[in-house]
Amino acid sequence: MKKIELIMDAHALDLALTRISHQILERYGGLGSVRIVGMQSRGVFLARRIAAKITAMAGLGSPLKTGILDTTLYRDDYRSRLRQPEVRVTDIPFDINEKSVVLVDDVLFTGRTVRAALDALMDHGRPREIQLAVLIDRGHRELPIRADYVGRKITTSPTQEVSLKVSELDGEDSLWLMEFEGEGGQ
């Protein structure tokens, strides 16, 4: 794979997360029943940033809590795609029953990971509602799933990939469009 286009630098990424945070705050106002849950792996870091931004914007005394959700064993392709699935941490340290849950992920593509997340989340309780926030919506949906909050929509080919780098893991914040070597390129 090779990088072919920078979609967002650190500043653009921060602006997109600020916009999503404002939209969530506008929708929920009081925030008393809102829970933010990040999907493994990079959605976790985005969820924490969104929660911190909402906390600052709303002037909350204590930080908005976030949870972590792993969807590996809920995916419809994990048996055929992965020999040994890499199961990560799920940590939802709060009650989600009758709460408004905002799921956060980095890239929305086919919708299959979100479908798996919905199944995984329902094993933890019965939220009043579930909304989806994504940094990038790249289209090519295979399931009838849409994001409620989108940082940016982009057009990609199915053979391309969108790769998010976050400072917590990668030492930088950036979002790249990637191309498989020898496909569609020069």
C-alpha atoms as a PDB file:
ATOM      1  CA  MET A   1       0.000   0.000   0.000  1.00  0.00           C
ATOM      2  CA  LYS A   2       1.131   3.508  -0.661  1.00  0.00           C
ATOM      3  CA  LYS A   3      -0.148   6.900   0.467  1.00  0.00           C
ATOM      4  CA  ILE A   4      -1.662   8.773  -2.447  1.00  0.00           C
ATOM      5  CA  GLU A   5      -3.462  11.698  -0.857  1.00  0.00           C
ATOM      6  CA  LEU A   6      -3.544  13.508   2.458  1.00  0.00           C
ATOM      7  CA  ILE A   7      -7.235  13.937   3.280  1.00  0.00           C
ATOM      8  CA  MET A   8      -6.855  15.649   6.658  1.00  0.00           C
ATOM      9  CA  ASP A   9      -3.898  17.082   8.513  1.00  0.00           C
ATOM     10  CA  ALA A  10      -3.951  17.566  12.292  1.00  0.00           C
ATOM     11  CA  HIS A  11      -5.767  20.923  12.033  1.00  0.00           C
ATOM     12  CA  ALA A  12      -8.484  19.621   9.686  1.00  0.00           C
ATOM     13  CA  LEU A  13      -8.975  16.544  11.847  1.00  0.00           C
ATOM     14  CA  ASP A  14      -9.387  18.710  14.950  1.00  0.00           C
ATOM     15  CA  LEU A  15     -11.897  20.957  13.160  1.00  0.00           C
ATOM     16  CA  ALA A  16     -13.957  17.922  12.082  1.00  0.00           C
ATOM     17  CA  LEU A  17     -14.038  16.589  15.657  1.00  0.00           C
ATOM     18  CA  THR A  18     -15.014  20.040  16.948  1.00  0.00           C
ATOM     19  CA  ARG A  19     -17.895  20.180  14.432  1.00  0.00           C
ATOM     20  CA  ILE A  20     -19.101  16.704  15.473  1.00  0.00           C
ATOM     21  CA  SER A  21     -18.861  17.709  19.153  1.00  0.00           C
ATOM     22  CA  HIS A  22     -20.942  20.859  18.540  1.00  0.00           C
ATOM     23  CA  GLN A  23     -23.594  18.809  16.727  1.00  0.00           C
ATOM     24  CA  ILE A  24     -23.819  16.284  19.571  1.00  0.00           C
ATOM     25  CA  LEU A  25     -24.049  19.087  22.134  1.00  0.00           C
ATOM     26  CA  GLU A  26     -26.779  20.826  20.117  1.00  0.00           C
ATOM     27  CA  ARG A  27     -28.768  17.595  19.865  1.00  0.00           C
ATOM     28  CA  TYR A  28     -28.560  16.607  23.516  1.00  0.00           C
ATOM     29  CA  GLY A  29     -28.181  19.877  25.418  1.00  0.00           C
ATOM     30  CA  GLY A  30     -28.212  18.660  29.020  1.00  0.00           C
ATOM     31  CA  LEU A  31     -26.022  15.604  28.336  1.00  0.00           C
ATOM     32  CA  GLY A  32     -27.294  13.824  31.472  1.00  0.00           C
ATOM     33  CA  SER A  33     -28.235  10.662  29.622  1.00  0.00           C
ATOM     34  CA  VAL A  34     -25.530  10.747  26.905  1.00  0.00           C
ATOM     35  CA  ARG A  35     -22.831   8.081  26.795  1.00  0.00           C
ATOM     36  CA  ILE A  36     -19.939   8.119  24.305  1.00  0.00           C
ATOM     37  CA  VAL A  37     -18.526   4.747  23.190  1.00  0.00           C
ATOM     38  CA  GLY A  38     -15.508   4.458  20.901  1.00  0.00           C
ATOM     39  CA  MET A  39     -15.095   1.477  18.612  1.00  0.00           C
ATOM     40  CA  GLN A  40     -11.718  -0.266  18.688  1.00  0.00           C
ATOM     41  CA  SER A  41      -9.198   0.802  17.780  1.00  0.00           C
ATOM     42  CA  ARG A  42      -8.910   4.386  16.600  1.00  0.00           C
ATOM     43  CA  GLY A  43     -12.537   5.218  17.316  1.00  0.00           C
ATOM     44  CA  VAL A  44     -11.593   4.991  20.994  1.00  0.00           C
ATOM     45  CA  PHE A  45      -9.197   7.936  20.689  1.00  0.00           C
ATOM     46  CA  LEU A  46     -11.692   9.948  18.652  1.00  0.00           C
ATOM     47  CA  ALA A  47     -14.402   9.270  21.262  1.00  0.00           C
ATOM     48  CA  ARG A  48     -12.127  10.541  24.043  1.00  0.00           C
ATOM     49  CA  ARG A  49     -11.363  13.709  22.088  1.00  0.00           C
ATOM     50  CA  ILE A  50     -15.040  14.317  21.336  1.00  0.00           C
ATOM     51  CA  ALA A  51     -15.950  13.787  25.007  1.00  0.00           C
ATOM     52  CA  ALA A  52     -13.219  16.239  26.087  1.00  0.00           C
ATOM     53  CA  LYS A  53     -14.439  18.844  23.580  1.00  0.00           C
ATOM     54  CA  ILE A  54     -18.067  18.467  24.683  1.00  0.00           C
ATOM     55  CA  THR A  55     -16.993  18.697  28.347  1.00  0.00           C
ATOM     56  CA  ALA A  56     -15.141  21.959  27.652  1.00  0.00           C
ATOM     57  CA  MET A  57     -17.906  23.440  25.465  1.00  0.00           C
ATOM     58  CA  ALA A  58     -20.647  22.641  27.970  1.00  0.00           C
ATOM     59  CA  GLY A  59     -18.563  23.728  30.963  1.00  0.00           C
ATOM     60  CA  LEU A  60     -19.199  20.435  32.730  1.00  0.00           C
ATOM     61  CA  GLY A  61     -17.663  20.008  36.183  1.00  0.00           C
ATOM     62  CA  SER A  62     -16.558  16.470  35.465  1.00  0.00           C
ATOM     63  CA  PRO A  63     -15.474  14.926  32.171  1.00  0.00           C
ATOM     64  CA  LEU A  64     -18.006  13.148  30.005  1.00  0.00           C
ATOM     65  CA  LYS A  65     -17.216   9.451  30.423  1.00  0.00           C
ATOM     66  CA  THR A  66     -16.322   7.261  27.483  1.00  0.00           C
ATOM     67  CA  GLY A  67     -16.453   3.536  26.884  1.00  0.00           C
ATOM     68  CA  ILE A  68     -14.565   1.161  24.614  1.00  0.00           C
ATOM     69  CA  LEU A  69     -16.231  -1.403  22.370  1.00  0.00           C
ATOM     70  CA  ASP A  70     -14.592  -4.278  20.497  1.00  0.00           C
ATOM     71  CA  THR A  71     -16.609  -5.829  17.674  1.00  0.00           C
ATOM     72  CA  THR A  72     -14.245  -8.621  16.608  1.00  0.00           C
ATOM     73  CA  LEU A  73     -16.342 -11.598  17.684  1.00  0.00           C
ATOM     74  CA  TYR A  74     -19.556  -9.982  16.434  1.00  0.00           C
ATOM     75  CA  ARG A  75     -18.366  -9.541  12.854  1.00  0.00           C
ATOM     76  CA  ASP A  76     -20.042 -11.692  10.225  1.00  0.00           C
ATOM     77  CA  ASP A  77     -16.696 -12.385   8.555  1.00  0.00           C
ATOM     78  CA  TYR A  78     -14.355 -13.057  11.465  1.00  0.00           C
ATOM     79  CA  ARG A  79     -14.319 -16.818  10.974  1.00  0.00           C
ATOM     80  CA  SER A  80     -13.617 -16.658   7.247  1.00  0.00           C
ATOM     81  CA  ARG A  81     -11.320 -13.638   7.252  1.00  0.00           C
ATOM     82  CA  LEU A  82      -9.133 -14.200  10.277  1.00  0.00           C
ATOM     83  CA  ARG A  83      -7.433 -17.383  11.342  1.00  0.00           C
ATOM     84  CA  GLN A  84      -6.933 -16.154  14.885  1.00  0.00           C
ATOM     85  CA  PRO A  85      -9.076 -13.090  15.593  1.00  0.00           C
ATOM     86  CA  GLU A  86      -7.372 -10.310  17.528  1.00  0.00           C
ATOM     87  CA  VAL A  87      -9.808  -9.626  20.339  1.00  0.00           C
ATOM     88  CA  ARG A  88      -9.332  -6.278  22.059  1.00  0.00           C
ATOM     89  CA  VAL A  89     -10.707  -4.731  25.217  1.00  0.00           C
ATOM     90  CA  THR A  90     -14.343  -3.839  25.693  1.00  0.00           C
ATOM     91  CA  ASP A  91     -14.804  -1.531  28.674  1.00  0.00           C
ATOM     92  CA  ILE A  92     -18.139   0.172  29.201  1.00  0.00           C
ATOM     93  CA  PRO A  93     -17.920   1.322  32.844  1.00  0.00           C
ATOM     94  CA  PHE A  94     -21.410   2.804  32.973  1.00  0.00           C
ATOM     95  CA  ASP A  95     -25.012   1.755  32.547  1.00  0.00           C
ATOM     96  CA  ILE A  96     -26.348   2.204  29.007  1.00  0.00           C
ATOM     97  CA  ASN A  97     -29.938   1.174  29.752  1.00  0.00           C
ATOM     98  CA  GLU A  98     -32.325   3.943  28.668  1.00  0.00           C
ATOM     99  CA  LYS A  99     -29.360   6.172  27.771  1.00  0.00           C
ATOM    100  CA  SER A 100     -28.485   7.881  24.495  1.00  0.00           C
ATOM    101  CA  VAL A 101     -25.329   6.211  23.206  1.00  0.00           C
ATOM    102  CA  VAL A 102     -23.133   7.820  20.579  1.00  0.00           C
ATOM    103  CA  LEU A 103     -20.923   5.222  18.890  1.00  0.00           C
ATOM    104  CA  VAL A 104     -17.726   6.712  17.471  1.00  0.00           C
ATOM    105  CA  ASP A 105     -15.654   5.187  14.665  1.00  0.00           C
ATOM    106  CA  ASP A 106     -12.992   6.517  12.344  1.00  0.00           C
ATOM    107  CA  VAL A 107     -14.220   5.381   8.902  1.00  0.00           C
ATOM    108  CA  LEU A 108     -17.652   4.247   7.729  1.00  0.00           C
ATOM    109  CA  PHE A 109     -17.350   1.977   4.706  1.00  0.00           C
ATOM    110  CA  THR A 110     -19.594  -1.081   4.148  1.00  0.00           C
ATOM    111  CA  GLY A 111     -21.473  -0.736   7.447  1.00  0.00           C
ATOM    112  CA  ARG A 112     -20.570  -4.238   8.617  1.00  0.00           C
ATOM    113  CA  THR A 113     -18.431  -3.069  11.552  1.00  0.00           C
ATOM    114  CA  VAL A 114     -21.250  -0.799  12.725  1.00  0.00           C
ATOM    115  CA  ARG A 115     -23.727  -3.699  12.484  1.00  0.00           C
ATOM    116  CA  ALA A 116     -21.356  -5.750  14.638  1.00  0.00           C
ATOM    117  CA  ALA A 117     -21.060  -2.842  17.088  1.00  0.00           C
ATOM    118  CA  LEU A 118     -24.832  -2.650  17.445  1.00  0.00           C
ATOM    119  CA  ASP A 119     -24.951  -6.353  18.327  1.00  0.00           C
ATOM    120  CA  ALA A 120     -22.061  -6.008  20.789  1.00  0.00           C
ATOM    121  CA  LEU A 121     -23.596  -2.931  22.422  1.00  0.00           C
ATOM    122  CA  MET A 122     -26.953  -4.648  22.895  1.00  0.00           C
ATOM    123  CA  ASP A 123     -25.194  -7.331  24.954  1.00  0.00           C
ATOM    124  CA  HIS A 124     -24.442  -4.550  27.473  1.00  0.00           C
ATOM    125  CA  GLY A 125     -27.964  -3.238  27.829  1.00  0.00           C
ATOM    126  CA  ARG A 126     -30.838  -1.578  26.039  1.00  0.00           C
ATOM    127  CA  PRO A 127     -30.100   2.044  25.156  1.00  0.00           C
ATOM    128  CA  ARG A 128     -32.950   4.472  24.493  1.00  0.00           C
ATOM    129  CA  GLU A 129     -31.224   5.337  21.220  1.00  0.00           C
ATOM    130  CA  ILE A 130     -27.937   4.756  19.444  1.00  0.00           C
ATOM    131  CA  GLN A 131     -26.378   7.322  17.151  1.00  0.00           C
ATOM    132  CA  LEU A 132     -23.251   7.037  15.037  1.00  0.00           C
ATOM    133  CA  ALA A 133     -20.429   9.570  14.702  1.00  0.00           C
ATOM    134  CA  VAL A 134     -17.685   8.956  12.142  1.00  0.00           C
ATOM    135  CA  LEU A 135     -14.721  11.020  11.082  1.00  0.00           C
ATOM    136  CA  ILE A 136     -14.991   9.862   7.447  1.00  0.00           C
ATOM    137  CA  ASP A 137     -17.884   8.448   5.428  1.00  0.00           C
ATOM    138  CA  ARG A 138     -16.419   6.923   2.282  1.00  0.00           C
ATOM    139  CA  GLY A 139     -19.577   5.346   0.851  1.00  0.00           C
ATOM    140  CA  HIS A 140     -19.812   1.824  -0.639  1.00  0.00           C
ATOM    141  CA  ARG A 141     -22.409   0.684   1.910  1.00  0.00           C
ATOM    142  CA  GLU A 142     -23.464  -2.972   1.887  1.00  0.00           C
ATOM    143  CA  LEU A 143     -25.964  -2.526   4.715  1.00  0.00           C
ATOM    144  CA  PRO A 144     -28.585   0.191   5.309  1.00  0.00           C
ATOM    145  CA  ILE A 145     -26.502   2.073   7.885  1.00  0.00           C
ATOM    146  CA  ARG A 146     -25.809   5.797   7.965  1.00  0.00           C
ATOM    147  CA  ALA A 147     -23.922   8.111  10.285  1.00  0.00           C
ATOM    148  CA  ASP A 148     -25.727  10.788  12.275  1.00  0.00           C
ATOM    149  CA  TYR A 149     -22.563  12.897  12.629  1.00  0.00           C
ATOM    150  CA  VAL A 150     -19.911  12.984   9.892  1.00  0.00           C
ATOM    151  CA  GLY A 151     -16.628  14.856   9.897  1.00  0.00           C
ATOM    152  CA  ARG A 152     -16.271  14.587   6.129  1.00  0.00           C
ATOM    153  CA  LYS A 153     -17.651  12.595   3.206  1.00  0.00           C
ATOM    154  CA  ILE A 154     -15.216  11.498   0.539  1.00  0.00           C
ATOM    155  CA  THR A 155     -15.405   9.505  -2.663  1.00  0.00           C
ATOM    156  CA  THR A 156     -13.168   6.452  -2.904  1.00  0.00           C
ATOM    157  CA  SER A 157     -12.922   3.345  -5.007  1.00  0.00           C
ATOM    158  CA  PRO A 158     -13.547  -0.009  -3.310  1.00  0.00           C
ATOM    159  CA  THR A 159      -9.867  -0.917  -3.795  1.00  0.00           C
ATOM    160  CA  GLN A 160      -8.640   2.107  -1.868  1.00  0.00           C
ATOM    161  CA  GLU A 161      -8.335   2.344   1.884  1.00  0.00           C
ATOM    162  CA  VAL A 162      -8.576   5.248   4.292  1.00  0.00           C
ATOM    163  CA  SER A 163      -5.946   5.242   7.025  1.00  0.00           C
ATOM    164  CA  LEU A 164      -6.173   7.356  10.181  1.00  0.00           C
ATOM    165  CA  LYS A 165      -3.090   8.131  12.216  1.00  0.00           C
ATOM    166  CA  VAL A 166      -3.596   9.396  15.766  1.00  0.00           C
ATOM    167  CA  SER A 167      -0.901  10.940  17.922  1.00  0.00           C
ATOM    168  CA  GLU A 168      -1.646   8.557  20.800  1.00  0.00           C
ATOM    169  CA  LEU A 169      -0.565   5.553  18.694  1.00  0.00           C
ATOM    170  CA  ASP A 170       1.276   6.905  15.669  1.00  0.00           C
ATOM    171  CA  GLY A 171       2.899  10.110  16.892  1.00  0.00           C
ATOM    172  CA  GLU A 172       0.874  12.279  14.490  1.00  0.00           C
ATOM    173  CA  ASP A 173      -2.680  13.162  13.532  1.00  0.00           C
ATOM    174  CA  SER A 174      -3.462  12.682   9.848  1.00  0.00           C
ATOM    175  CA  LEU A 175      -5.834  10.879   7.541  1.00  0.00           C
ATOM    176  CA  TRP A 176      -4.620   9.361   4.281  1.00  0.00           C
ATOM    177  CA  LEU A 177      -6.145   7.815   1.207  1.00  0.00           C
ATOM    178  CA  MET A 178      -4.137   4.680   0.442  1.00  0.00           C
ATOM    179  CA  GLU A 179      -3.838   2.709  -2.783  1.00  0.00           C
ATOM    180  CA  PHE A 180      -2.771  -0.890  -3.182  1.00  0.00           C
ATOM    181  CA  GLU A 181       0.456  -1.092  -5.199  1.00  0.00           C
ATOM    182  CA  GLY A 182      -0.237  -1.875  -8.852  1.00  0.00           C
ATOM    183  CA  GLU A 183      -3.989  -1.128  -8.655  1.00  0.00           C
ATOM    184  CA  GLY A 184      -5.493   1.898 -10.255  1.00  0.00           C
ATOM    185  CA  GLY A 185      -2.194   3.750  -9.962  1.00  0.00           C
ATOM    186  CA  GLN A 186       0.724   4.431 -12.217  1.00  0.00           C
END
